[in-house]
């Protein structure tokens, strides 16, 4: 299976092409960024396809991160994945950023819990906790940092990963086992591709997982009065 993976949900713009038969990532590109995903993504995908010496018709599926993450970034990645899938006649599968962040740690040792935490701003984090064998202990949610730390600490020894990991560690309950911390700002695109290859195809296009409403609100006070 040949999988084109796309991730623009967090602080990187990334794409990779995985060939599951050989077990190799044929090409990958990842650029750290907090904005500008819309301008960077399609040239980056083009580079990946050229380096892989494949065209879109030779893909078997497209995988894309669905969030939580940047509202704008999510829309960029999802729109690109849907467009490529539609044009090439290939299925598109979605997977969460929380699962993608946790995946390499679960693969390395699936006996210790992993708490994937993304800074959601305003003293909150997006959180999901995975237990033995990658089983979900705490489903994806947004929570105050202190509440998230208490919930994750109840899982026993735990590894914290993501942009909210240090925030969680700073609020860690006294007496609980000290967690390890990996504050990576975006998922490894190779793992996005691997999870995409293993995902079950849905009956509809993947949708964004926001977990919260946008911060921006219509500014009614600035609207011009009607005549």
N, C-alpha and C. Protein backbone atom coordinates (compact mmCIF):
# COMPACT_ATOMS: atom_id res chain seq x y z
N UNK A 1 0.84 -1.19 0.00
CA UNK A 1 0.00 0.00 0.00
C UNK A 1 0.89 1.26 0.00
N UNK A 2 0.53 2.20 -0.84
CA UNK A 2 1.25 3.47 -0.89
C UNK A 2 0.37 4.56 -0.30
N UNK A 3 0.88 5.18 0.76
CA UNK A 3 0.09 6.15 1.51
C UNK A 3 0.79 7.50 1.49
N UNK A 4 0.06 8.52 1.04
CA UNK A 4 0.53 9.89 1.15
C UNK A 4 -0.02 10.46 2.44
N UNK A 5 0.87 10.88 3.34
CA UNK A 5 0.47 11.42 4.64
C UNK A 5 0.68 12.92 4.66
N UNK A 6 -0.28 13.63 5.25
CA UNK A 6 -0.25 15.10 5.31
C UNK A 6 -0.54 15.54 6.74
N UNK A 7 0.26 16.49 7.24
CA UNK A 7 0.02 17.04 8.57
C UNK A 7 0.31 18.53 8.58
N UNK A 8 -0.72 19.31 8.83
CA UNK A 8 -0.57 20.76 8.98
C UNK A 8 -1.28 21.25 10.25
N UNK A 9 -1.57 20.33 11.17
CA UNK A 9 -2.42 20.66 12.31
C UNK A 9 -1.72 21.44 13.41
N UNK A 10 -0.41 21.24 13.55
CA UNK A 10 0.30 21.86 14.67
C UNK A 10 1.41 22.77 14.15
N UNK A 11 2.61 22.64 14.69
CA UNK A 11 3.67 23.60 14.37
C UNK A 11 4.64 23.07 13.33
N UNK A 12 4.09 22.44 12.30
CA UNK A 12 4.90 21.98 11.17
C UNK A 12 4.00 21.81 9.97
N UNK A 13 4.63 21.85 8.80
CA UNK A 13 3.95 21.51 7.55
C UNK A 13 4.71 20.31 7.00
N UNK A 14 4.03 19.16 6.95
CA UNK A 14 4.73 17.91 6.66
C UNK A 14 3.96 17.04 5.67
N UNK A 15 4.71 16.26 4.91
CA UNK A 15 4.14 15.26 4.02
C UNK A 15 5.14 14.13 3.86
N UNK A 16 4.63 12.94 3.64
CA UNK A 16 5.50 11.78 3.44
C UNK A 16 4.76 10.76 2.59
N UNK A 17 5.53 9.90 1.93
CA UNK A 17 4.94 8.83 1.14
C UNK A 17 5.52 7.51 1.63
N UNK A 18 4.64 6.67 2.17
CA UNK A 18 5.02 5.38 2.73
C UNK A 18 4.62 4.25 1.80
N UNK A 19 5.53 3.31 1.59
CA UNK A 19 5.24 2.08 0.85
C UNK A 19 5.25 0.94 1.86
N UNK A 20 4.09 0.42 2.21
CA UNK A 20 4.02 -0.60 3.26
C UNK A 20 4.61 -1.93 2.82
N UNK A 21 4.64 -2.20 1.51
CA UNK A 21 5.20 -3.48 1.05
C UNK A 21 6.69 -3.55 1.33
N UNK A 22 7.39 -2.46 1.13
CA UNK A 22 8.83 -2.43 1.41
C UNK A 22 9.11 -2.00 2.84
N UNK A 23 8.09 -1.40 3.49
CA UNK A 23 8.28 -0.88 4.84
C UNK A 23 9.08 0.40 4.86
N UNK A 24 9.24 1.05 3.71
CA UNK A 24 10.07 2.24 3.62
C UNK A 24 9.25 3.50 3.38
N UNK A 25 9.70 4.59 3.97
CA UNK A 25 9.17 5.90 3.61
C UNK A 25 9.95 6.37 2.40
N UNK A 26 9.30 6.46 1.26
CA UNK A 26 9.98 6.77 0.00
C UNK A 26 10.47 8.21 -0.03
N UNK A 27 9.73 9.09 0.60
CA UNK A 27 10.12 10.50 0.65
C UNK A 27 9.38 11.18 1.79
N UNK A 28 10.03 12.17 2.38
CA UNK A 28 9.37 12.94 3.44
C UNK A 28 9.88 14.38 3.41
N UNK A 29 9.02 15.29 3.78
CA UNK A 29 9.37 16.69 3.93
C UNK A 29 8.66 17.22 5.17
N UNK A 30 9.37 17.96 6.01
CA UNK A 30 8.75 18.55 7.20
C UNK A 30 9.44 19.87 7.50
N UNK A 31 8.64 20.92 7.60
CA UNK A 31 9.18 22.25 7.88
C UNK A 31 8.48 22.83 9.10
N UNK A 32 9.24 23.16 10.16
CA UNK A 32 8.63 23.78 11.33
C UNK A 32 8.01 25.13 10.96
N UNK A 33 6.78 25.35 11.36
CA UNK A 33 6.13 26.64 11.12
C UNK A 33 4.85 26.72 11.94
N UNK A 34 4.51 27.93 12.33
CA UNK A 34 3.26 28.15 13.06
C UNK A 34 2.21 28.81 12.18
N UNK A 35 2.62 29.35 11.05
CA UNK A 35 1.69 29.93 10.09
C UNK A 35 2.29 29.82 8.70
N UNK A 36 1.46 30.01 7.68
CA UNK A 36 1.93 29.90 6.31
C UNK A 36 1.79 28.51 5.71
N UNK A 37 1.02 27.64 6.38
CA UNK A 37 0.83 26.28 5.87
C UNK A 37 0.19 26.27 4.48
N UNK A 38 -0.75 27.17 4.25
CA UNK A 38 -1.48 27.17 2.99
C UNK A 38 -0.55 27.40 1.80
N UNK A 39 0.42 28.28 1.97
CA UNK A 39 1.36 28.57 0.89
C UNK A 39 2.40 27.47 0.73
N UNK A 40 2.76 26.82 1.83
CA UNK A 40 3.87 25.86 1.81
C UNK A 40 3.45 24.44 1.43
N UNK A 41 2.19 24.07 1.68
CA UNK A 41 1.83 22.66 1.60
C UNK A 41 1.92 22.05 0.21
N UNK A 42 1.28 22.66 -0.79
CA UNK A 42 1.23 22.01 -2.10
C UNK A 42 2.61 21.90 -2.76
N UNK A 43 3.48 22.93 -2.68
CA UNK A 43 4.84 22.72 -3.19
C UNK A 43 5.58 21.61 -2.45
N UNK A 44 5.33 21.50 -1.15
CA UNK A 44 5.98 20.46 -0.35
C UNK A 44 5.50 19.08 -0.79
N UNK A 45 4.18 18.93 -1.00
CA UNK A 45 3.64 17.65 -1.48
C UNK A 45 4.20 17.32 -2.86
N UNK A 46 4.31 18.32 -3.71
CA UNK A 46 4.87 18.11 -5.05
C UNK A 46 6.29 17.58 -4.96
N UNK A 47 7.10 18.13 -4.05
CA UNK A 47 8.47 17.65 -3.86
C UNK A 47 8.49 16.19 -3.43
N UNK A 48 7.59 15.84 -2.51
CA UNK A 48 7.52 14.46 -2.02
C UNK A 48 7.17 13.50 -3.16
N UNK A 49 6.20 13.87 -3.98
CA UNK A 49 5.80 13.01 -5.10
C UNK A 49 6.93 12.86 -6.11
N UNK A 50 7.61 13.95 -6.41
CA UNK A 50 8.71 13.91 -7.38
C UNK A 50 9.85 13.04 -6.86
N UNK A 51 10.20 13.21 -5.60
CA UNK A 51 11.28 12.42 -5.01
C UNK A 51 10.92 10.93 -4.94
N UNK A 52 9.63 10.64 -4.80
CA UNK A 52 9.18 9.25 -4.76
C UNK A 52 9.06 8.64 -6.15
N UNK A 53 9.11 9.47 -7.17
CA UNK A 53 8.97 9.05 -8.57
C UNK A 53 7.63 8.36 -8.80
N UNK A 54 6.59 8.94 -8.19
CA UNK A 54 5.23 8.43 -8.34
C UNK A 54 4.29 9.57 -8.69
N UNK A 55 3.14 9.23 -9.26
CA UNK A 55 2.12 10.25 -9.43
C UNK A 55 0.93 9.89 -8.55
N UNK A 56 -0.02 10.80 -8.43
CA UNK A 56 -1.13 10.61 -7.49
C UNK A 56 -1.97 9.37 -7.81
N UNK A 57 -2.05 9.02 -9.09
CA UNK A 57 -2.84 7.86 -9.49
C UNK A 57 -2.26 6.56 -8.95
N UNK A 58 -0.98 6.57 -8.57
CA UNK A 58 -0.34 5.37 -8.06
C UNK A 58 -0.48 5.22 -6.54
N UNK A 59 -1.11 6.18 -5.91
CA UNK A 59 -1.37 6.08 -4.47
C UNK A 59 -2.50 5.09 -4.20
N UNK A 60 -2.52 4.56 -2.99
CA UNK A 60 -3.64 3.72 -2.56
C UNK A 60 -4.57 4.47 -1.62
N UNK A 61 -4.02 5.42 -0.86
CA UNK A 61 -4.85 6.24 0.00
C UNK A 61 -4.08 7.48 0.45
N UNK A 62 -4.83 8.43 0.96
CA UNK A 62 -4.25 9.66 1.53
C UNK A 62 -4.64 9.69 3.00
N UNK A 63 -3.68 10.01 3.86
CA UNK A 63 -3.93 10.11 5.29
C UNK A 63 -3.66 11.55 5.74
N UNK A 64 -4.50 12.05 6.63
CA UNK A 64 -4.36 13.44 7.07
C UNK A 64 -4.73 13.55 8.55
N UNK A 65 -4.03 14.42 9.27
CA UNK A 65 -4.37 14.66 10.67
C UNK A 65 -5.62 15.54 10.74
N UNK A 66 -6.49 15.20 11.68
CA UNK A 66 -7.78 15.89 11.80
C UNK A 66 -7.87 16.78 13.02
N UNK A 67 -6.82 16.85 13.82
CA UNK A 67 -6.84 17.68 15.01
C UNK A 67 -6.86 16.85 16.27
N UNK A 68 -6.91 17.52 17.41
CA UNK A 68 -7.02 18.97 17.58
C UNK A 68 -5.73 19.69 17.17
N UNK A 69 -5.89 20.98 16.93
CA UNK A 69 -4.76 21.80 16.53
C UNK A 69 -5.23 23.15 16.04
N UNK A 70 -4.41 23.78 15.21
CA UNK A 70 -4.73 25.09 14.67
C UNK A 70 -5.96 24.99 13.75
N UNK A 71 -6.93 25.87 13.95
CA UNK A 71 -8.13 25.86 13.10
C UNK A 71 -7.76 26.04 11.64
N UNK A 72 -6.89 27.02 11.36
CA UNK A 72 -6.50 27.28 9.98
C UNK A 72 -5.68 26.12 9.42
N UNK A 73 -4.71 25.64 10.20
CA UNK A 73 -3.87 24.54 9.75
C UNK A 73 -4.67 23.30 9.42
N UNK A 74 -5.64 22.98 10.26
CA UNK A 74 -6.47 21.80 10.02
C UNK A 74 -7.22 21.91 8.69
N UNK A 75 -7.78 23.06 8.44
CA UNK A 75 -8.54 23.24 7.19
C UNK A 75 -7.64 23.11 5.97
N UNK A 76 -6.40 23.61 6.09
CA UNK A 76 -5.46 23.52 4.96
C UNK A 76 -5.17 22.06 4.63
N UNK A 77 -4.82 21.27 5.65
CA UNK A 77 -4.47 19.88 5.43
C UNK A 77 -5.64 19.05 4.93
N UNK A 78 -6.80 19.25 5.56
CA UNK A 78 -7.99 18.50 5.16
C UNK A 78 -8.42 18.84 3.74
N UNK A 79 -8.38 20.10 3.38
CA UNK A 79 -8.77 20.51 2.03
C UNK A 79 -7.84 19.90 0.99
N UNK A 80 -6.53 19.92 1.28
CA UNK A 80 -5.57 19.34 0.34
C UNK A 80 -5.79 17.83 0.20
N UNK A 81 -5.98 17.14 1.32
CA UNK A 81 -6.18 15.69 1.28
C UNK A 81 -7.45 15.33 0.52
N UNK A 82 -8.52 16.04 0.79
CA UNK A 82 -9.78 15.76 0.09
C UNK A 82 -9.65 16.04 -1.40
N UNK A 83 -8.97 17.14 -1.74
CA UNK A 83 -8.81 17.47 -3.15
C UNK A 83 -7.99 16.43 -3.90
N UNK A 84 -6.89 15.98 -3.29
CA UNK A 84 -6.06 14.95 -3.93
C UNK A 84 -6.83 13.65 -4.04
N UNK A 85 -7.54 13.29 -2.98
CA UNK A 85 -8.33 12.05 -3.01
C UNK A 85 -9.39 12.08 -4.08
N UNK A 86 -10.05 13.21 -4.21
CA UNK A 86 -11.11 13.34 -5.22
C UNK A 86 -10.53 13.28 -6.63
N UNK A 87 -9.46 14.03 -6.86
CA UNK A 87 -8.87 14.08 -8.20
C UNK A 87 -8.28 12.74 -8.63
N UNK A 88 -7.68 12.02 -7.66
CA UNK A 88 -7.02 10.76 -7.98
C UNK A 88 -7.94 9.56 -7.81
N UNK A 89 -9.14 9.79 -7.26
CA UNK A 89 -10.05 8.70 -7.02
C UNK A 89 -9.58 7.75 -5.93
N UNK A 90 -8.93 8.32 -4.90
CA UNK A 90 -8.39 7.50 -3.82
C UNK A 90 -9.07 7.84 -2.49
N UNK A 91 -9.20 6.85 -1.59
CA UNK A 91 -9.82 7.12 -0.29
C UNK A 91 -8.93 8.01 0.59
N UNK A 92 -9.58 8.77 1.44
CA UNK A 92 -8.88 9.64 2.39
C UNK A 92 -9.26 9.20 3.80
N UNK A 93 -8.26 8.99 4.65
CA UNK A 93 -8.51 8.60 6.03
C UNK A 93 -7.95 9.67 6.96
N UNK A 94 -8.60 9.83 8.11
CA UNK A 94 -8.16 10.82 9.08
C UNK A 94 -7.72 10.17 10.37
N UNK A 95 -6.81 10.82 11.06
CA UNK A 95 -6.36 10.35 12.37
C UNK A 95 -6.01 11.57 13.22
N UNK A 96 -6.13 11.41 14.52
CA UNK A 96 -5.96 12.56 15.40
C UNK A 96 -4.48 12.88 15.62
N UNK A 97 -4.21 14.14 15.91
CA UNK A 97 -2.85 14.55 16.26
C UNK A 97 -2.42 13.90 17.57
N UNK A 98 -3.35 13.69 18.49
CA UNK A 98 -3.02 13.09 19.78
C UNK A 98 -2.53 11.65 19.59
N UNK A 99 -3.21 10.89 18.74
CA UNK A 99 -2.78 9.52 18.45
C UNK A 99 -1.43 9.51 17.75
N UNK A 100 -1.22 10.45 16.83
CA UNK A 100 0.04 10.51 16.10
C UNK A 100 1.20 10.86 17.03
N UNK A 101 0.97 11.76 17.98
CA UNK A 101 2.01 12.12 18.94
C UNK A 101 2.37 10.93 19.82
N UNK A 102 1.38 10.17 20.23
CA UNK A 102 1.61 9.07 21.16
C UNK A 102 2.19 7.83 20.49
N UNK A 103 1.94 7.65 19.20
CA UNK A 103 2.25 6.39 18.52
C UNK A 103 3.68 5.90 18.68
N UNK A 104 4.72 6.72 18.48
CA UNK A 104 6.08 6.18 18.60
C UNK A 104 6.42 5.73 20.02
N UNK A 105 5.81 6.37 21.02
CA UNK A 105 6.08 5.99 22.40
C UNK A 105 5.38 4.68 22.75
N UNK A 106 4.18 4.50 22.23
CA UNK A 106 3.47 3.23 22.43
C UNK A 106 4.22 2.11 21.73
N UNK A 107 4.74 2.38 20.54
CA UNK A 107 5.49 1.36 19.81
C UNK A 107 6.77 0.97 20.53
N UNK A 108 7.40 1.94 21.20
CA UNK A 108 8.65 1.67 21.90
C UNK A 108 8.43 0.85 23.17
N UNK A 109 7.31 1.11 23.86
CA UNK A 109 6.99 0.39 25.10
C UNK A 109 5.51 0.56 25.38
N UNK A 110 4.72 -0.47 25.09
CA UNK A 110 3.28 -0.33 25.24
C UNK A 110 2.77 -0.77 26.61
N UNK A 111 3.69 -0.88 27.58
CA UNK A 111 3.28 -1.24 28.94
C UNK A 111 3.12 -0.02 29.84
N UNK A 112 3.60 1.12 29.41
CA UNK A 112 3.55 2.35 30.20
C UNK A 112 2.61 3.34 29.51
N UNK A 113 1.78 4.00 30.30
CA UNK A 113 0.80 4.94 29.75
C UNK A 113 1.48 6.12 29.06
N UNK A 114 0.82 6.65 28.07
CA UNK A 114 1.27 7.84 27.35
C UNK A 114 0.15 8.87 27.39
N UNK A 115 0.47 10.07 27.84
CA UNK A 115 -0.49 11.17 27.82
C UNK A 115 -0.06 12.16 26.75
N UNK A 116 -0.83 12.26 25.68
CA UNK A 116 -0.57 13.24 24.63
C UNK A 116 -1.30 14.53 25.01
N UNK A 117 -0.54 15.62 25.09
CA UNK A 117 -1.11 16.89 25.54
C UNK A 117 -0.65 18.02 24.63
N UNK A 118 -1.60 18.75 24.08
CA UNK A 118 -1.32 19.88 23.20
C UNK A 118 -1.78 21.16 23.87
N UNK A 119 -0.94 22.16 23.86
CA UNK A 119 -1.29 23.45 24.46
C UNK A 119 -2.51 24.03 23.73
N UNK A 120 -3.61 24.18 24.45
CA UNK A 120 -4.83 24.74 23.87
C UNK A 120 -5.00 26.21 24.24
N UNK A 121 -4.00 26.77 24.93
CA UNK A 121 -3.97 28.17 25.34
C UNK A 121 -4.98 28.43 26.47
N UNK A 122 -4.83 29.58 27.08
CA UNK A 122 -5.72 30.00 28.17
C UNK A 122 -5.73 28.99 29.32
N UNK A 123 -4.56 28.37 29.59
CA UNK A 123 -4.46 27.45 30.71
C UNK A 123 -5.12 26.11 30.51
N UNK A 124 -5.36 25.72 29.27
CA UNK A 124 -5.99 24.45 28.95
C UNK A 124 -5.08 23.62 28.03
N UNK A 125 -5.33 22.33 28.01
CA UNK A 125 -4.65 21.44 27.07
C UNK A 125 -5.67 20.52 26.41
N UNK A 126 -5.35 20.11 25.19
CA UNK A 126 -6.06 19.00 24.57
C UNK A 126 -5.37 17.74 25.06
N UNK A 127 -6.13 16.77 25.53
CA UNK A 127 -5.54 15.62 26.20
C UNK A 127 -6.15 14.31 25.73
N UNK A 128 -5.31 13.30 25.60
CA UNK A 128 -5.76 11.91 25.47
C UNK A 128 -4.72 11.05 26.15
N UNK A 129 -5.17 10.07 26.93
CA UNK A 129 -4.27 9.17 27.64
C UNK A 129 -4.45 7.76 27.11
N UNK A 130 -3.32 7.14 26.75
CA UNK A 130 -3.31 5.78 26.22
C UNK A 130 -2.67 4.86 27.25
N UNK A 131 -3.28 3.71 27.48
CA UNK A 131 -2.77 2.74 28.42
C UNK A 131 -2.06 1.59 27.74
N UNK A 132 -1.93 0.46 28.43
CA UNK A 132 -1.26 -0.71 27.84
C UNK A 132 -1.85 -1.09 26.48
N UNK A 133 -0.94 -1.43 25.57
CA UNK A 133 -1.31 -1.83 24.20
C UNK A 133 -2.01 -0.72 23.44
N UNK A 134 -1.83 0.53 23.88
CA UNK A 134 -2.41 1.66 23.17
C UNK A 134 -3.88 1.87 23.41
N UNK A 135 -4.44 1.17 24.40
CA UNK A 135 -5.88 1.30 24.70
C UNK A 135 -6.16 2.69 25.29
N UNK A 136 -7.23 3.33 24.84
CA UNK A 136 -7.57 4.66 25.33
C UNK A 136 -8.10 4.59 26.76
N UNK A 137 -7.42 5.29 27.67
CA UNK A 137 -7.86 5.40 29.06
C UNK A 137 -8.69 6.66 29.28
N UNK A 138 -8.27 7.75 28.64
CA UNK A 138 -9.01 9.01 28.69
C UNK A 138 -9.18 9.49 27.26
N UNK A 139 -10.42 9.63 26.83
CA UNK A 139 -10.71 10.00 25.45
C UNK A 139 -10.33 11.45 25.18
N UNK A 140 -10.18 11.83 23.90
CA UNK A 140 -9.79 13.20 23.57
C UNK A 140 -10.73 14.24 24.18
N UNK A 141 -10.13 15.25 24.81
CA UNK A 141 -10.93 16.29 25.46
C UNK A 141 -10.07 17.53 25.67
N UNK A 142 -10.70 18.63 26.00
CA UNK A 142 -9.98 19.83 26.42
C UNK A 142 -10.25 20.00 27.90
N UNK A 143 -9.20 20.34 28.67
CA UNK A 143 -9.33 20.42 30.11
C UNK A 143 -8.33 21.43 30.67
N UNK A 144 -8.65 22.05 31.82
CA UNK A 144 -7.65 22.88 32.50
C UNK A 144 -6.41 22.05 32.81
N UNK A 145 -5.25 22.67 32.78
CA UNK A 145 -3.99 21.95 32.94
C UNK A 145 -3.97 21.14 34.24
N UNK A 146 -4.39 21.74 35.35
CA UNK A 146 -4.35 21.04 36.63
C UNK A 146 -5.25 19.82 36.61
N UNK A 147 -6.44 19.96 36.03
CA UNK A 147 -7.36 18.82 35.95
C UNK A 147 -6.78 17.72 35.06
N UNK A 148 -6.17 18.12 33.96
CA UNK A 148 -5.56 17.15 33.05
C UNK A 148 -4.42 16.41 33.73
N UNK A 149 -3.61 17.12 34.49
CA UNK A 149 -2.49 16.49 35.20
C UNK A 149 -2.98 15.48 36.22
N UNK A 150 -4.01 15.84 36.97
CA UNK A 150 -4.55 14.90 37.97
C UNK A 150 -5.12 13.66 37.29
N UNK A 151 -5.80 13.85 36.19
CA UNK A 151 -6.39 12.72 35.48
C UNK A 151 -5.31 11.79 34.93
N UNK A 152 -4.27 12.36 34.33
CA UNK A 152 -3.21 11.54 33.76
C UNK A 152 -2.41 10.84 34.85
N UNK A 153 -2.19 11.51 35.97
CA UNK A 153 -1.41 10.92 37.07
C UNK A 153 -2.11 9.69 37.64
N UNK A 154 -3.41 9.63 37.52
CA UNK A 154 -4.16 8.48 38.01
C UNK A 154 -3.94 7.22 37.20
N UNK A 155 -3.23 7.35 36.08
CA UNK A 155 -2.97 6.19 35.22
C UNK A 155 -1.71 5.44 35.63
N UNK A 156 -1.05 5.90 36.71
CA UNK A 156 0.20 5.28 37.14
C UNK A 156 1.38 5.92 36.42
N UNK A 157 2.50 5.21 36.28
CA UNK A 157 3.64 5.77 35.54
C UNK A 157 3.20 6.20 34.15
N UNK A 158 3.62 7.38 33.75
CA UNK A 158 3.13 7.92 32.48
C UNK A 158 4.20 8.74 31.80
N UNK A 159 4.15 8.76 30.48
CA UNK A 159 5.03 9.61 29.67
C UNK A 159 4.18 10.72 29.07
N UNK A 160 4.66 11.95 29.19
CA UNK A 160 3.96 13.11 28.65
C UNK A 160 4.61 13.52 27.34
N UNK A 161 3.80 13.75 26.31
CA UNK A 161 4.33 14.15 25.02
C UNK A 161 3.45 15.22 24.40
N UNK A 162 4.08 16.19 23.75
CA UNK A 162 3.33 17.25 23.08
C UNK A 162 3.67 18.62 23.63
N UNK A 163 3.12 19.64 22.99
CA UNK A 163 3.43 21.02 23.38
C UNK A 163 2.89 21.37 24.76
N UNK A 164 1.97 20.56 25.29
CA UNK A 164 1.45 20.80 26.63
C UNK A 164 2.10 19.94 27.69
N UNK A 165 3.15 19.18 27.32
CA UNK A 165 3.77 18.25 28.27
C UNK A 165 4.39 18.95 29.46
N UNK A 166 5.14 20.02 29.22
CA UNK A 166 5.78 20.73 30.33
C UNK A 166 4.76 21.41 31.22
N UNK A 167 3.70 21.92 30.65
CA UNK A 167 2.61 22.51 31.43
C UNK A 167 2.01 21.48 32.37
N UNK A 168 1.79 20.29 31.85
CA UNK A 168 1.25 19.21 32.65
C UNK A 168 2.22 18.83 33.77
N UNK A 169 3.51 18.73 33.43
CA UNK A 169 4.51 18.34 34.42
C UNK A 169 4.59 19.37 35.56
N UNK A 170 4.44 20.66 35.21
CA UNK A 170 4.50 21.71 36.23
C UNK A 170 3.33 21.64 37.20
N UNK A 171 2.21 21.07 36.76
CA UNK A 171 1.02 20.95 37.59
C UNK A 171 0.84 19.54 38.16
N UNK A 172 1.89 18.72 38.05
CA UNK A 172 1.78 17.31 38.44
C UNK A 172 1.50 17.18 39.94
N UNK A 173 0.57 16.34 40.32
CA UNK A 173 0.22 16.19 41.73
C UNK A 173 1.39 15.69 42.58
N UNK A 174 1.52 16.23 43.78
CA UNK A 174 2.57 15.78 44.69
C UNK A 174 2.32 14.33 45.09
N UNK A 175 3.40 13.57 45.13
CA UNK A 175 3.29 12.17 45.52
C UNK A 175 3.11 11.23 44.35
N UNK A 176 2.71 11.75 43.19
CA UNK A 176 2.55 10.89 42.01
C UNK A 176 3.91 10.64 41.37
N UNK A 177 4.03 9.52 40.70
CA UNK A 177 5.30 9.18 40.04
C UNK A 177 5.66 10.26 39.02
N UNK A 178 6.91 10.71 39.05
CA UNK A 178 7.37 11.77 38.16
C UNK A 178 7.33 11.30 36.70
N UNK A 179 6.65 12.02 35.83
CA UNK A 179 6.54 11.58 34.43
C UNK A 179 7.77 11.99 33.62
N UNK A 180 8.02 11.27 32.55
CA UNK A 180 9.00 11.73 31.57
C UNK A 180 8.30 12.74 30.65
N UNK A 181 9.07 13.67 30.08
CA UNK A 181 8.49 14.76 29.30
C UNK A 181 9.17 14.87 27.95
N UNK A 182 8.39 14.90 26.90
CA UNK A 182 8.88 15.14 25.54
C UNK A 182 8.00 16.21 24.93
N UNK A 183 8.50 17.42 24.82
CA UNK A 183 7.68 18.54 24.39
C UNK A 183 7.79 18.80 22.89
N UNK A 184 7.60 17.76 22.10
CA UNK A 184 7.65 17.96 20.65
C UNK A 184 6.43 18.76 20.20
N UNK A 185 6.65 19.58 19.18
CA UNK A 185 5.63 20.55 18.77
C UNK A 185 4.74 20.05 17.65
N UNK A 186 5.07 18.90 17.08
CA UNK A 186 4.26 18.33 15.99
C UNK A 186 4.52 16.84 15.92
N UNK A 187 3.62 16.13 15.29
CA UNK A 187 3.76 14.67 15.15
C UNK A 187 4.84 14.34 14.13
N UNK A 188 5.43 13.16 14.28
CA UNK A 188 6.37 12.62 13.31
C UNK A 188 5.56 12.18 12.08
N UNK A 189 5.85 12.75 10.92
CA UNK A 189 5.06 12.48 9.73
C UNK A 189 5.15 11.01 9.32
N UNK A 190 6.25 10.33 9.65
CA UNK A 190 6.34 8.90 9.36
C UNK A 190 5.26 8.13 10.11
N UNK A 191 4.97 8.53 11.34
CA UNK A 191 3.94 7.85 12.12
C UNK A 191 2.55 8.22 11.66
N UNK A 192 2.37 9.41 11.14
CA UNK A 192 1.09 9.76 10.53
C UNK A 192 0.82 8.81 9.37
N UNK A 193 1.86 8.54 8.57
CA UNK A 193 1.71 7.63 7.44
C UNK A 193 1.41 6.20 7.90
N UNK A 194 2.10 5.74 8.93
CA UNK A 194 1.89 4.37 9.42
C UNK A 194 0.48 4.20 9.99
N UNK A 195 0.05 5.18 10.77
CA UNK A 195 -1.31 5.11 11.31
C UNK A 195 -2.34 5.19 10.18
N UNK A 196 -2.04 6.00 9.17
CA UNK A 196 -2.94 6.10 8.02
C UNK A 196 -3.06 4.79 7.27
N UNK A 197 -1.96 4.06 7.17
CA UNK A 197 -2.00 2.76 6.49
C UNK A 197 -2.83 1.75 7.28
N UNK A 198 -2.81 1.86 8.61
CA UNK A 198 -3.53 0.91 9.46
C UNK A 198 -4.98 1.29 9.69
N UNK A 199 -5.35 2.54 9.36
CA UNK A 199 -6.69 3.03 9.65
C UNK A 199 -7.75 2.33 8.79
N UNK A 200 -8.95 2.28 9.34
CA UNK A 200 -10.09 1.73 8.60
C UNK A 200 -10.73 2.84 7.77
N UNK A 201 -10.99 2.55 6.51
CA UNK A 201 -11.61 3.55 5.65
C UNK A 201 -13.02 3.85 6.12
N UNK A 202 -13.35 5.14 6.19
CA UNK A 202 -14.68 5.55 6.59
C UNK A 202 -15.62 5.67 5.40
N UNK A 203 -16.87 5.90 5.70
CA UNK A 203 -17.87 6.05 4.65
C UNK A 203 -17.96 7.49 4.15
N UNK A 204 -17.32 8.41 4.86
CA UNK A 204 -17.35 9.81 4.46
C UNK A 204 -15.98 10.43 4.66
N UNK A 205 -15.78 11.60 4.12
CA UNK A 205 -14.50 12.29 4.23
C UNK A 205 -14.21 12.63 5.69
N UNK A 206 -12.94 12.56 6.11
CA UNK A 206 -12.61 12.89 7.50
C UNK A 206 -12.97 14.33 7.84
N UNK A 207 -13.38 14.53 9.08
CA UNK A 207 -13.79 15.86 9.55
C UNK A 207 -12.84 16.34 10.64
N UNK A 208 -12.72 17.65 10.79
CA UNK A 208 -11.81 18.17 11.82
C UNK A 208 -12.30 17.87 13.23
N UNK A 209 -11.36 17.56 14.11
CA UNK A 209 -11.64 17.36 15.53
C UNK A 209 -11.17 18.61 16.25
N UNK A 210 -12.11 19.53 16.52
CA UNK A 210 -11.74 20.81 17.11
C UNK A 210 -11.66 20.75 18.64
N UNK A 211 -12.63 20.14 19.30
CA UNK A 211 -12.75 20.03 20.75
C UNK A 211 -13.09 21.35 21.44
N UNK A 212 -12.98 22.46 20.71
CA UNK A 212 -13.38 23.74 21.28
C UNK A 212 -13.83 24.66 20.16
N UNK A 213 -14.59 25.68 20.52
CA UNK A 213 -15.03 26.67 19.54
C UNK A 213 -13.88 27.61 19.22
N UNK A 214 -13.89 28.23 18.04
CA UNK A 214 -12.84 29.19 17.70
C UNK A 214 -12.80 30.34 18.69
N UNK A 215 -11.57 30.87 18.92
CA UNK A 215 -11.42 32.04 19.79
C UNK A 215 -12.02 33.28 19.16
N UNK A 216 -11.95 33.36 17.83
CA UNK A 216 -12.44 34.55 17.15
C UNK A 216 -13.96 34.60 17.18
N UNK A 217 -14.50 35.78 17.35
CA UNK A 217 -15.94 35.99 17.36
C UNK A 217 -16.29 37.15 16.43
N UNK A 218 -17.46 37.15 15.81
CA UNK A 218 -17.86 38.29 14.97
C UNK A 218 -17.86 39.57 15.79
N UNK A 219 -17.32 40.63 15.21
CA UNK A 219 -17.27 41.90 15.91
C UNK A 219 -18.47 42.75 15.51
N UNK A 220 -19.59 42.50 16.17
CA UNK A 220 -20.84 43.17 15.80
C UNK A 220 -20.76 44.67 16.00
N UNK A 221 -19.94 45.10 16.97
CA UNK A 221 -19.85 46.54 17.27
C UNK A 221 -19.21 47.31 16.13
N UNK A 222 -18.40 46.59 15.31
CA UNK A 222 -17.72 47.28 14.22
C UNK A 222 -18.49 47.28 12.92
N UNK A 223 -19.66 46.63 12.91
CA UNK A 223 -20.44 46.57 11.68
C UNK A 223 -21.09 47.91 11.39
N UNK A 224 -21.15 48.23 10.12
CA UNK A 224 -21.78 49.48 9.72
C UNK A 224 -23.29 49.38 9.87
N UNK A 225 -23.93 50.43 10.36
CA UNK A 225 -25.39 50.38 10.50
C UNK A 225 -26.07 50.34 9.14
N UNK A 226 -27.16 49.64 9.07
CA UNK A 226 -27.93 49.58 7.83
C UNK A 226 -28.76 50.85 7.68
N UNK A 227 -28.94 51.22 6.44
CA UNK A 227 -29.78 52.41 6.18
C UNK A 227 -31.15 52.00 5.74
